Amino acid sequence: MIQSMTGFGKHVIQLPAKKITVELKSLNSKNLDLNARMPPAYREKELELRKIIASSLVRGKVDFGLYIENTGGDISAQINEEVVKAYMAQLAAISENQGDNAQLLEIAMRMPDTLKTERENIDEEEYKAIEKALKEALVEINKFRSEEGNVLEADFIERVKNLEVLLSQVVDMDPERQHDVRERLEKAVNELQADIDANRFEQELIYYLEKYDITEEKVRLKNHLEYFSNTLKSNNSNGKKLGFISQEIGREINTIGSKANYAPMQQLVVQMKDELEKIKEQMLNVL
C-alpha cells in the first residue's frame, strides 16, 4: 500500500463566538517542508501544531492554514488615533479640499493599521477545538493521499508487468543474439583471408561471448522486479525504498543494452527504459 504526497484536507468547527477553519495542502518533496499561515495571536501554538502535522504527514511540501472568524464579537477594536491623524495630515498636504476633514477621515479609515485590536490569550477550550480541527483535516488529507496512492499503485503494477513481458522477450531472444554475434565474428575473420589457429580462435570467441553474456543481468532484473512488486504490497508507503529499487532496475537494463550488441534486443531495451522512466516520474510523488 502506497500513499501519494499530493493531498488536501479541510475541517471547520463552530464555537459559540468563533469559526475555526483548518486547511492542509501537500505536494511532493524529498523531506517535510511545512509552511504555516495563521493569525499572529496564535503563533504561540505553532510549534505544537507543527509536531502534530509532522507526525502524520512525514514528507511533502505542506501548506497549513489556520483561519479564525469571530462570530460573537469577543475582540474589541479601537481606532489607532495616531495612525489616523498621520494619514489625515498627509492627505491634507496633497488635497485641494484641505478643510473637508470628514472626507479626509473617511479616506484615512480605509488605510492599513487604522484599527488596533486587543484580545486575550487562547483559552484551553479554543486550543482543543483547533487541535481537533487539525486532526480531522489530517484524516481528510491522508484519505486523499491514499486514494491518489491507489492510482499510482495500479500504474506501477501495469508498468512492472510490461517490464516483465519485455524481459521474457529478451530471455527468448538471447540464444538467437549469441548465434548472431558468433556468426558475425566468424564472417569477419573469414573475410580477413588469413591463416588462424582454430583452437586459439575458439578460445577468443568464447572469451568474447562471455564478455557479452547477460545471464546475470537477466536474473538480477527479474529479482528486482519481484522485489519492487512485493514492496508495493507492504503495509507502509516506502517511496524512498521503491526509488532505490527502480535505480537498480535501471542499472540492469542499461547493462543489458550495453552488452546486447544486437539491434532487435536493443529495441526491447529502449522500450524497457521508456517503461522505467514512467515509473520514475510517478515515483517522485510517492510518500
C-alpha atoms as a PDB file:
ATOM      1  CA  MET A   1       0.000   0.000   0.000  1.00  0.00           C
ATOM      2  CA  ILE A   2       1.481   3.302  -1.041  1.00  0.00           C
ATOM      3  CA  GLN A   3       0.472   6.899  -0.461  1.00  0.00           C
ATOM      4  CA  SER A   4       0.843   9.916  -2.687  1.00  0.00           C
ATOM      5  CA  MET A   5       2.327  13.115  -1.309  1.00  0.00           C
ATOM      6  CA  THR A   6      -0.393  15.095  -3.082  1.00  0.00           C
ATOM      7  CA  GLY A   7      -3.436  15.799  -0.936  1.00  0.00           C
ATOM      8  CA  PHE A   8      -5.931  18.244   0.508  1.00  0.00           C
ATOM      9  CA  GLY A   9      -7.793  18.281   3.795  1.00  0.00           C
ATOM     10  CA  LYS A  10     -10.141  20.781   5.413  1.00  0.00           C
ATOM     11  CA  HIS A  11     -12.200  20.887   8.583  1.00  0.00           C
ATOM     12  CA  VAL A  12     -14.400  23.566  10.159  1.00  0.00           C
ATOM     13  CA  ILE A  13     -15.507  23.838  13.800  1.00  0.00           C
ATOM     14  CA  GLN A  14     -18.043  26.378  15.008  1.00  0.00           C
ATOM     15  CA  LEU A  15     -17.606  27.614  18.588  1.00  0.00           C
ATOM     16  CA  PRO A  16     -20.112  29.954  20.281  1.00  0.00           C
ATOM     17  CA  ALA A  17     -18.070  33.033  19.336  1.00  0.00           C
ATOM     18  CA  LYS A  18     -15.636  31.773  16.674  1.00  0.00           C
ATOM     19  CA  LYS A  19     -15.500  29.799  13.472  1.00  0.00           C
ATOM     20  CA  ILE A  20     -12.272  27.784  13.206  1.00  0.00           C
ATOM     21  CA  THR A  21     -11.128  26.565   9.776  1.00  0.00           C
ATOM     22  CA  VAL A  22      -8.069  24.391   9.175  1.00  0.00           C
ATOM     23  CA  GLU A  23      -6.772  23.690   5.670  1.00  0.00           C
ATOM     24  CA  LEU A  24      -3.909  21.388   4.608  1.00  0.00           C
ATOM     25  CA  LYS A  25      -2.439  21.102   1.135  1.00  0.00           C
ATOM     26  CA  SER A  26       0.551  18.946   0.197  1.00  0.00           C
ATOM     27  CA  LEU A  27       2.745  18.305  -2.827  1.00  0.00           C
ATOM     28  CA  ASN A  28       5.816  16.154  -3.340  1.00  0.00           C
ATOM     29  CA  SER A  29       9.130  16.956  -1.647  1.00  0.00           C
ATOM     30  CA  LYS A  30      12.177  14.967  -0.524  1.00  0.00           C
ATOM     31  CA  ASN A  31      11.542  15.919   3.108  1.00  0.00           C
ATOM     32  CA  LEU A  32       8.844  17.643   5.136  1.00  0.00           C
ATOM     33  CA  ASP A  33       8.656  21.294   4.074  1.00  0.00           C
ATOM     34  CA  LEU A  34       5.937  22.896   6.183  1.00  0.00           C
ATOM     35  CA  ASN A  35       4.643  26.414   5.620  1.00  0.00           C
ATOM     36  CA  ALA A  36       2.222  27.665   8.295  1.00  0.00           C
ATOM     37  CA  ARG A  37      -0.211  30.572   7.939  1.00  0.00           C
ATOM     38  CA  MET A  38      -2.129  31.674  10.999  1.00  0.00           C
ATOM     39  CA  PRO A  39      -3.152  34.839  12.843  1.00  0.00           C
ATOM     40  CA  PRO A  40      -0.247  36.380  14.810  1.00  0.00           C
ATOM     41  CA  ALA A  41      -2.054  35.889  18.124  1.00  0.00           C
ATOM     42  CA  TYR A  42      -1.992  32.100  17.580  1.00  0.00           C
ATOM     43  CA  ARG A  43       1.724  31.817  16.814  1.00  0.00           C
ATOM     44  CA  GLU A  44       2.434  30.686  20.358  1.00  0.00           C
ATOM     45  CA  LYS A  45       0.876  27.320  19.443  1.00  0.00           C
ATOM     46  CA  GLU A  46       2.656  26.948  16.108  1.00  0.00           C
ATOM     47  CA  LEU A  47       5.358  24.519  17.275  1.00  0.00           C
ATOM     48  CA  GLU A  48       2.810  22.188  18.871  1.00  0.00           C
ATOM     49  CA  LEU A  49       0.672  22.203  15.725  1.00  0.00           C
ATOM     50  CA  ARG A  50       3.735  21.581  13.554  1.00  0.00           C
ATOM     51  CA  LYS A  51       4.602  18.478  15.600  1.00  0.00           C
ATOM     52  CA  ILE A  52       1.102  17.085  15.098  1.00  0.00           C
ATOM     53  CA  ILE A  53       1.341  17.642  11.335  1.00  0.00           C
ATOM     54  CA  ALA A  54       4.872  16.203  11.070  1.00  0.00           C
ATOM     55  CA  SER A  55       3.932  13.015  12.935  1.00  0.00           C
ATOM     56  CA  SER A  56       1.091  12.361  10.474  1.00  0.00           C
ATOM     57  CA  LEU A  57       2.298  13.578   7.066  1.00  0.00           C
ATOM     58  CA  VAL A  58       6.033  12.687   7.368  1.00  0.00           C
ATOM     59  CA  ARG A  59       7.074  14.031   3.947  1.00  0.00           C
ATOM     60  CA  GLY A  60       5.919  16.553   1.381  1.00  0.00           C
ATOM     61  CA  LYS A  61       5.661  20.283   0.781  1.00  0.00           C
ATOM     62  CA  VAL A  62       2.783  21.122   3.120  1.00  0.00           C
ATOM     63  CA  ASP A  63       0.791  24.362   3.387  1.00  0.00           C
ATOM     64  CA  PHE A  64      -1.042  24.644   6.693  1.00  0.00           C
ATOM     65  CA  GLY A  65      -3.642  27.382   7.135  1.00  0.00           C
ATOM     66  CA  LEU A  66      -5.466  28.286  10.333  1.00  0.00           C
ATOM     67  CA  TYR A  67      -8.304  30.786   9.870  1.00  0.00           C
ATOM     68  CA  ILE A  68     -10.280  32.289  12.771  1.00  0.00           C
ATOM     69  CA  GLU A  69     -13.524  34.129  12.110  1.00  0.00           C
ATOM     70  CA  ASN A  70     -15.038  35.940  15.074  1.00  0.00           C
ATOM     71  CA  THR A  71     -18.785  35.478  15.087  1.00  0.00           C
ATOM     72  CA  GLY A  72     -19.503  36.567  18.663  1.00  0.00           C
ATOM     73  CA  GLY A  73     -17.660  39.845  18.880  1.00  0.00           C
ATOM     74  CA  ASP A  74     -15.240  38.898  21.659  1.00  0.00           C
ATOM     75  CA  ILE A  75     -12.489  41.045  20.114  1.00  0.00           C
ATOM     76  CA  SER A  76     -12.623  44.737  20.911  1.00  0.00           C
ATOM     77  CA  ALA A  77     -11.421  47.015  18.139  1.00  0.00           C
ATOM     78  CA  GLN A  78     -10.138  50.518  18.832  1.00  0.00           C
ATOM     79  CA  ILE A  79      -9.228  53.304  16.454  1.00  0.00           C
ATOM     80  CA  ASN A  80      -5.486  53.840  16.247  1.00  0.00           C
ATOM     81  CA  GLU A  81      -5.667  57.624  16.634  1.00  0.00           C
ATOM     82  CA  GLU A  82      -2.015  58.387  15.935  1.00  0.00           C
ATOM     83  CA  VAL A  83      -2.062  56.444  12.678  1.00  0.00           C
ATOM     84  CA  VAL A  84      -5.350  58.033  11.539  1.00  0.00           C
ATOM     85  CA  LYS A  85      -4.096  61.584  12.323  1.00  0.00           C
ATOM     86  CA  ALA A  86      -0.892  60.918  10.408  1.00  0.00           C
ATOM     87  CA  TYR A  87      -2.859  59.706   7.401  1.00  0.00           C
ATOM     88  CA  MET A  88      -5.137  62.749   7.525  1.00  0.00           C
ATOM     89  CA  ALA A  89      -2.179  65.135   7.714  1.00  0.00           C
ATOM     90  CA  GLN A  90      -0.555  63.533   4.677  1.00  0.00           C
ATOM     91  CA  LEU A  91      -3.841  63.536   2.757  1.00  0.00           C
ATOM     92  CA  ALA A  92      -4.455  67.178   3.648  1.00  0.00           C
ATOM     93  CA  ALA A  93      -0.994  68.086   2.354  1.00  0.00           C
ATOM     94  CA  ILE A  94      -1.787  66.731  -1.102  1.00  0.00           C
ATOM     95  CA  SER A  95      -5.531  67.517  -1.177  1.00  0.00           C
ATOM     96  CA  GLU A  96      -7.126  70.632  -2.645  1.00  0.00           C
ATOM     97  CA  ASN A  97     -10.057  70.436  -0.165  1.00  0.00           C
ATOM     98  CA  GLN A  98      -7.975  70.831   2.975  1.00  0.00           C
ATOM     99  CA  GLY A  99     -10.954  71.958   5.022  1.00  0.00           C
ATOM    100  CA  ASP A 100     -13.092  68.852   4.403  1.00  0.00           C
ATOM    101  CA  ASN A 101     -11.986  66.784   7.434  1.00  0.00           C
ATOM    102  CA  ALA A 102     -14.939  64.394   7.113  1.00  0.00           C
ATOM    103  CA  GLN A 103     -13.829  63.359   3.660  1.00  0.00           C
ATOM    104  CA  LEU A 104     -10.204  63.053   4.776  1.00  0.00           C
ATOM    105  CA  LEU A 105     -11.280  60.941   7.753  1.00  0.00           C
ATOM    106  CA  GLU A 106     -13.336  58.653   5.530  1.00  0.00           C
ATOM    107  CA  ILE A 107     -10.343  58.052   3.274  1.00  0.00           C
ATOM    108  CA  ALA A 108      -7.909  57.646   6.194  1.00  0.00           C
ATOM    109  CA  MET A 109     -10.067  54.979   7.853  1.00  0.00           C
ATOM    110  CA  ARG A 110      -9.660  52.795   4.771  1.00  0.00           C
ATOM    111  CA  MET A 111      -5.893  52.790   5.135  1.00  0.00           C
ATOM    112  CA  PRO A 112      -3.941  49.947   6.818  1.00  0.00           C
ATOM    113  CA  ASP A 113      -3.499  49.732  10.598  1.00  0.00           C
ATOM    114  CA  THR A 114      -6.187  52.288  11.410  1.00  0.00           C
ATOM    115  CA  LEU A 115      -7.797  49.795  13.804  1.00  0.00           C
ATOM    116  CA  LYS A 116      -5.952  48.079  16.607  1.00  0.00           C
ATOM    117  CA  THR A 117      -7.340  45.005  18.291  1.00  0.00           C
ATOM    118  CA  GLU A 118      -6.757  43.606  21.710  1.00  0.00           C
ATOM    119  CA  ARG A 119      -7.553  40.030  22.644  1.00  0.00           C
ATOM    120  CA  GLU A 120      -6.902  37.676  25.484  1.00  0.00           C
ATOM    121  CA  ASN A 121      -4.653  34.617  25.226  1.00  0.00           C
ATOM    122  CA  ILE A 122      -6.029  31.448  23.642  1.00  0.00           C
ATOM    123  CA  ASP A 123      -8.048  29.574  26.221  1.00  0.00           C
ATOM    124  CA  GLU A 124      -7.819  25.808  26.637  1.00  0.00           C
ATOM    125  CA  GLU A 125     -11.208  25.106  25.074  1.00  0.00           C
ATOM    126  CA  GLU A 126     -10.361  27.086  21.966  1.00  0.00           C
ATOM    127  CA  TYR A 127      -6.998  25.347  21.537  1.00  0.00           C
ATOM    128  CA  LYS A 128      -8.627  21.929  21.911  1.00  0.00           C
ATOM    129  CA  ALA A 129     -11.036  22.907  19.144  1.00  0.00           C
ATOM    130  CA  ILE A 130      -8.112  23.964  16.911  1.00  0.00           C
ATOM    131  CA  GLU A 131      -6.321  20.702  17.672  1.00  0.00           C
ATOM    132  CA  LYS A 132      -9.462  18.695  16.868  1.00  0.00           C
ATOM    133  CA  ALA A 133      -9.973  20.572  13.600  1.00  0.00           C
ATOM    134  CA  LEU A 134      -6.344  19.918  12.637  1.00  0.00           C
ATOM    135  CA  LYS A 135      -6.594  16.187  13.369  1.00  0.00           C
ATOM    136  CA  GLU A 136      -9.800  15.923  11.342  1.00  0.00           C
ATOM    137  CA  ALA A 137      -8.130  17.756   8.451  1.00  0.00           C
ATOM    138  CA  LEU A 138      -5.206  15.327   8.710  1.00  0.00           C
ATOM    139  CA  VAL A 139      -7.626  12.413   8.406  1.00  0.00           C
ATOM    140  CA  GLU A 140      -9.035  14.001   5.253  1.00  0.00           C
ATOM    141  CA  ILE A 141      -5.659  14.690   3.644  1.00  0.00           C
ATOM    142  CA  ASN A 142      -4.392  11.189   4.432  1.00  0.00           C
ATOM    143  CA  LYS A 143      -7.540   9.730   2.872  1.00  0.00           C
ATOM    144  CA  PHE A 144      -6.870  11.846  -0.208  1.00  0.00           C
ATOM    145  CA  ARG A 145      -3.244  10.664  -0.254  1.00  0.00           C
ATOM    146  CA  SER A 146      -4.318   7.029  -0.013  1.00  0.00           C
ATOM    147  CA  GLU A 147      -6.761   7.392  -2.901  1.00  0.00           C
ATOM    148  CA  GLU A 148      -4.057   9.002  -5.025  1.00  0.00           C
ATOM    149  CA  GLY A 149      -1.682   6.240  -3.908  1.00  0.00           C
ATOM    150  CA  ASN A 150      -4.099   3.575  -5.197  1.00  0.00           C
ATOM    151  CA  VAL A 151      -3.995   5.203  -8.632  1.00  0.00           C
ATOM    152  CA  LEU A 152      -0.190   5.269  -8.575  1.00  0.00           C
ATOM    153  CA  GLU A 153      -0.014   1.653  -7.399  1.00  0.00           C
ATOM    154  CA  ALA A 154      -2.214   0.475 -10.263  1.00  0.00           C
ATOM    155  CA  ASP A 155       0.045   2.304 -12.710  1.00  0.00           C
ATOM    156  CA  PHE A 156       3.202   0.795 -11.167  1.00  0.00           C
ATOM    157  CA  ILE A 157       1.743  -2.721 -11.347  1.00  0.00           C
ATOM    158  CA  GLU A 158       0.971  -2.234 -15.031  1.00  0.00           C
ATOM    159  CA  ARG A 159       4.485  -0.874 -15.749  1.00  0.00           C
ATOM    160  CA  VAL A 160       6.181  -3.732 -13.897  1.00  0.00           C
ATOM    161  CA  LYS A 161       4.110  -6.276 -15.832  1.00  0.00           C
ATOM    162  CA  ASN A 162       5.186  -4.583 -19.071  1.00  0.00           C
ATOM    163  CA  LEU A 163       8.823  -4.814 -17.960  1.00  0.00           C
ATOM    164  CA  GLU A 164       8.396  -8.489 -17.114  1.00  0.00           C
ATOM    165  CA  VAL A 165       6.955  -9.166 -20.587  1.00  0.00           C
ATOM    166  CA  LEU A 166       9.849  -7.319 -22.227  1.00  0.00           C
ATOM    167  CA  LEU A 167      12.345  -9.219 -20.073  1.00  0.00           C
ATOM    168  CA  SER A 168      10.831 -12.526 -21.133  1.00  0.00           C
ATOM    169  CA  GLN A 169      11.276 -11.440 -24.750  1.00  0.00           C
ATOM    170  CA  VAL A 170      14.923 -10.636 -24.016  1.00  0.00           C
ATOM    171  CA  VAL A 171      15.379 -14.093 -22.491  1.00  0.00           C
ATOM    172  CA  ASP A 172      13.780 -15.782 -25.507  1.00  0.00           C
ATOM    173  CA  MET A 173      15.879 -13.715 -27.894  1.00  0.00           C
ATOM    174  CA  ASP A 174      19.215 -14.260 -26.165  1.00  0.00           C
ATOM    175  CA  PRO A 175      20.181 -17.587 -27.861  1.00  0.00           C
ATOM    176  CA  GLU A 176      19.435 -16.000 -31.233  1.00  0.00           C
ATOM    177  CA  ARG A 177      21.580 -12.995 -30.279  1.00  0.00           C
ATOM    178  CA  GLN A 178      24.528 -15.175 -29.255  1.00  0.00           C
ATOM    179  CA  HIS A 179      24.278 -17.126 -32.517  1.00  0.00           C
ATOM    180  CA  ASP A 180      24.181 -13.881 -34.495  1.00  0.00           C
ATOM    181  CA  VAL A 181      27.225 -12.469 -32.670  1.00  0.00           C
ATOM    182  CA  ARG A 182      29.151 -15.685 -33.277  1.00  0.00           C
ATOM    183  CA  GLU A 183      28.278 -15.682 -36.981  1.00  0.00           C
ATOM    184  CA  ARG A 184      29.346 -12.088 -37.406  1.00  0.00           C
ATOM    185  CA  LEU A 185      32.696 -12.752 -35.746  1.00  0.00           C
ATOM    186  CA  GLU A 186      33.366 -15.823 -37.853  1.00  0.00           C
ATOM    187  CA  LYS A 187      32.416 -13.928 -41.008  1.00  0.00           C
ATOM    188  CA  ALA A 188      34.707 -11.050 -40.081  1.00  0.00           C
ATOM    189  CA  VAL A 189      37.627 -13.448 -39.521  1.00  0.00           C
ATOM    190  CA  ASN A 190      36.966 -15.317 -42.791  1.00  0.00           C
ATOM    191  CA  GLU A 191      36.949 -12.049 -44.700  1.00  0.00           C
ATOM    192  CA  LEU A 192      40.471 -11.362 -43.440  1.00  0.00           C
ATOM    193  CA  GLN A 193      41.640 -14.344 -45.540  1.00  0.00           C
ATOM    194  CA  ALA A 194      44.356 -15.135 -43.045  1.00  0.00           C
ATOM    195  CA  ASP A 195      45.518 -18.412 -41.569  1.00  0.00           C
ATOM    196  CA  ILE A 196      44.390 -18.688 -37.954  1.00  0.00           C
ATOM    197  CA  ASP A 197      44.751 -21.251 -35.216  1.00  0.00           C
ATOM    198  CA  ALA A 198      41.297 -22.804 -34.878  1.00  0.00           C
ATOM    199  CA  ASN A 199      41.758 -23.601 -31.194  1.00  0.00           C
ATOM    200  CA  ARG A 200      43.002 -20.112 -30.418  1.00  0.00           C
ATOM    201  CA  PHE A 201      40.110 -18.609 -32.368  1.00  0.00           C
ATOM    202  CA  GLU A 202      37.622 -20.730 -30.429  1.00  0.00           C
ATOM    203  CA  GLN A 203      39.138 -19.580 -27.124  1.00  0.00           C
ATOM    204  CA  GLU A 204      38.978 -15.942 -28.159  1.00  0.00           C
ATOM    205  CA  LEU A 205      35.420 -16.404 -29.358  1.00  0.00           C
ATOM    206  CA  ILE A 206      34.361 -17.937 -26.047  1.00  0.00           C
ATOM    207  CA  TYR A 207      36.055 -15.069 -24.174  1.00  0.00           C
ATOM    208  CA  TYR A 208      34.250 -12.530 -26.335  1.00  0.00           C
ATOM    209  CA  LEU A 209      30.863 -14.223 -25.885  1.00  0.00           C
ATOM    210  CA  GLU A 210      31.381 -14.443 -22.124  1.00  0.00           C
ATOM    211  CA  LYS A 211      32.193 -10.754 -22.042  1.00  0.00           C
ATOM    212  CA  TYR A 212      28.819 -10.018 -23.614  1.00  0.00           C
ATOM    213  CA  ASP A 213      26.911 -12.610 -21.620  1.00  0.00           C
ATOM    214  CA  ILE A 214      23.802 -11.138 -19.925  1.00  0.00           C
ATOM    215  CA  THR A 215      22.732 -14.126 -17.824  1.00  0.00           C
ATOM    216  CA  GLU A 216      23.453 -12.384 -14.505  1.00  0.00           C
ATOM    217  CA  GLU A 217      21.708  -9.204 -15.606  1.00  0.00           C
ATOM    218  CA  LYS A 218      18.577 -11.133 -16.618  1.00  0.00           C
ATOM    219  CA  VAL A 219      18.453 -12.902 -13.236  1.00  0.00           C
ATOM    220  CA  ARG A 220      19.066  -9.713 -11.243  1.00  0.00           C
ATOM    221  CA  LEU A 221      16.499  -7.738 -13.238  1.00  0.00           C
ATOM    222  CA  LYS A 222      13.887 -10.443 -12.638  1.00  0.00           C
ATOM    223  CA  ASN A 223      14.662 -10.357  -8.892  1.00  0.00           C
ATOM    224  CA  HIS A 224      14.476  -6.547  -8.751  1.00  0.00           C
ATOM    225  CA  LEU A 225      11.073  -6.540 -10.455  1.00  0.00           C
ATOM    226  CA  GLU A 226       9.766  -9.112  -7.967  1.00  0.00           C
ATOM    227  CA  TYR A 227      11.206  -7.091  -5.067  1.00  0.00           C
ATOM    228  CA  PHE A 228       9.531  -3.932  -6.394  1.00  0.00           C
ATOM    229  CA  SER A 229       6.151  -5.717  -6.617  1.00  0.00           C
ATOM    230  CA  ASN A 230       6.473  -7.150  -3.093  1.00  0.00           C
ATOM    231  CA  THR A 231       7.418  -3.737  -1.669  1.00  0.00           C
ATOM    232  CA  LEU A 232       4.277  -2.252  -3.240  1.00  0.00           C
ATOM    233  CA  LYS A 233       2.228  -4.727  -1.191  1.00  0.00           C
ATOM    234  CA  SER A 234       3.797  -3.787   2.175  1.00  0.00           C
ATOM    235  CA  ASN A 235       1.681  -2.055   4.817  1.00  0.00           C
ATOM    236  CA  ASN A 236       3.754   1.130   4.773  1.00  0.00           C
ATOM    237  CA  SER A 237       4.344   3.546   1.925  1.00  0.00           C
ATOM    238  CA  ASN A 238       8.017   3.091   1.010  1.00  0.00           C
ATOM    239  CA  GLY A 239       8.611   5.744  -1.617  1.00  0.00           C
ATOM    240  CA  LYS A 240      12.346   6.065  -0.973  1.00  0.00           C
ATOM    241  CA  LYS A 241      12.840   2.282  -0.952  1.00  0.00           C
ATOM    242  CA  LEU A 242      10.914   1.922  -4.197  1.00  0.00           C
ATOM    243  CA  GLY A 243      13.074   4.687  -5.635  1.00  0.00           C
ATOM    244  CA  PHE A 244      16.251   2.777  -4.746  1.00  0.00           C
ATOM    245  CA  ILE A 245      14.873  -0.426  -6.312  1.00  0.00           C
ATOM    246  CA  SER A 246      13.958   1.435  -9.511  1.00  0.00           C
ATOM    247  CA  GLN A 247      17.561   2.677  -9.700  1.00  0.00           C
ATOM    248  CA  GLU A 248      18.787  -0.920  -9.532  1.00  0.00           C
ATOM    249  CA  ILE A 249      16.293  -1.909 -12.231  1.00  0.00           C
ATOM    250  CA  GLY A 250      17.653   0.875 -14.405  1.00  0.00           C
ATOM    251  CA  ARG A 251      21.239  -0.269 -13.825  1.00  0.00           C
ATOM    252  CA  GLU A 252      20.483  -3.799 -15.058  1.00  0.00           C
ATOM    253  CA  ILE A 253      18.543  -2.527 -18.089  1.00  0.00           C
ATOM    254  CA  ASN A 254      21.440  -0.240 -19.050  1.00  0.00           C
ATOM    255  CA  THR A 255      23.946  -3.079 -18.720  1.00  0.00           C
ATOM    256  CA  ILE A 256      21.839  -5.360 -20.920  1.00  0.00           C
ATOM    257  CA  GLY A 257      21.672  -2.580 -23.504  1.00  0.00           C
ATOM    258  CA  SER A 258      25.443  -2.019 -23.487  1.00  0.00           C
ATOM    259  CA  LYS A 259      26.171  -5.742 -23.783  1.00  0.00           C
ATOM    260  CA  ALA A 260      23.455  -6.653 -26.280  1.00  0.00           C
ATOM    261  CA  ASN A 261      25.344  -5.818 -29.475  1.00  0.00           C
ATOM    262  CA  TYR A 262      22.176  -6.897 -31.272  1.00  0.00           C
ATOM    263  CA  ALA A 263      19.692  -4.416 -32.746  1.00  0.00           C
ATOM    264  CA  PRO A 264      16.426  -6.314 -32.021  1.00  0.00           C
ATOM    265  CA  MET A 265      17.393  -6.706 -28.355  1.00  0.00           C
ATOM    266  CA  GLN A 266      18.442  -3.069 -28.096  1.00  0.00           C
ATOM    267  CA  GLN A 267      14.976  -2.116 -29.331  1.00  0.00           C
ATOM    268  CA  LEU A 268      13.497  -4.073 -26.419  1.00  0.00           C
ATOM    269  CA  VAL A 269      15.884  -2.277 -24.073  1.00  0.00           C
ATOM    270  CA  VAL A 270      14.625   1.101 -25.341  1.00  0.00           C
ATOM    271  CA  GLN A 271      11.059   0.023 -24.555  1.00  0.00           C
ATOM    272  CA  MET A 272      12.148  -1.099 -21.073  1.00  0.00           C
ATOM    273  CA  LYS A 273      13.803   2.266 -20.452  1.00  0.00           C
ATOM    274  CA  ASP A 274      10.614   4.028 -21.515  1.00  0.00           C
ATOM    275  CA  GLU A 275       8.535   1.998 -19.046  1.00  0.00           C
ATOM    276  CA  LEU A 276      11.047   2.615 -16.254  1.00  0.00           C
ATOM    277  CA  GLU A 277      11.128   6.346 -16.966  1.00  0.00           C
ATOM    278  CA  LYS A 278       7.354   6.500 -16.476  1.00  0.00           C
ATOM    279  CA  ILE A 279       7.769   4.697 -13.139  1.00  0.00           C
ATOM    280  CA  LYS A 280      10.449   7.156 -12.029  1.00  0.00           C
ATOM    281  CA  GLU A 281       8.299  10.152 -12.947  1.00  0.00           C
ATOM    282  CA  GLN A 282       5.443   8.888 -10.777  1.00  0.00           C
ATOM    283  CA  MET A 283       7.835   7.760  -8.041  1.00  0.00           C
ATOM    284  CA  LEU A 284       8.636  11.393  -7.229  1.00  0.00           C
ATOM    285  CA  ASN A 285       5.143  11.730  -5.762  1.00  0.00           C
ATOM    286  CA  VAL A 286       5.196   8.594  -3.560  1.00  0.00           C
ATOM    287  CA  LEU A 287       5.432   9.114   0.187  1.00  0.00           C
END
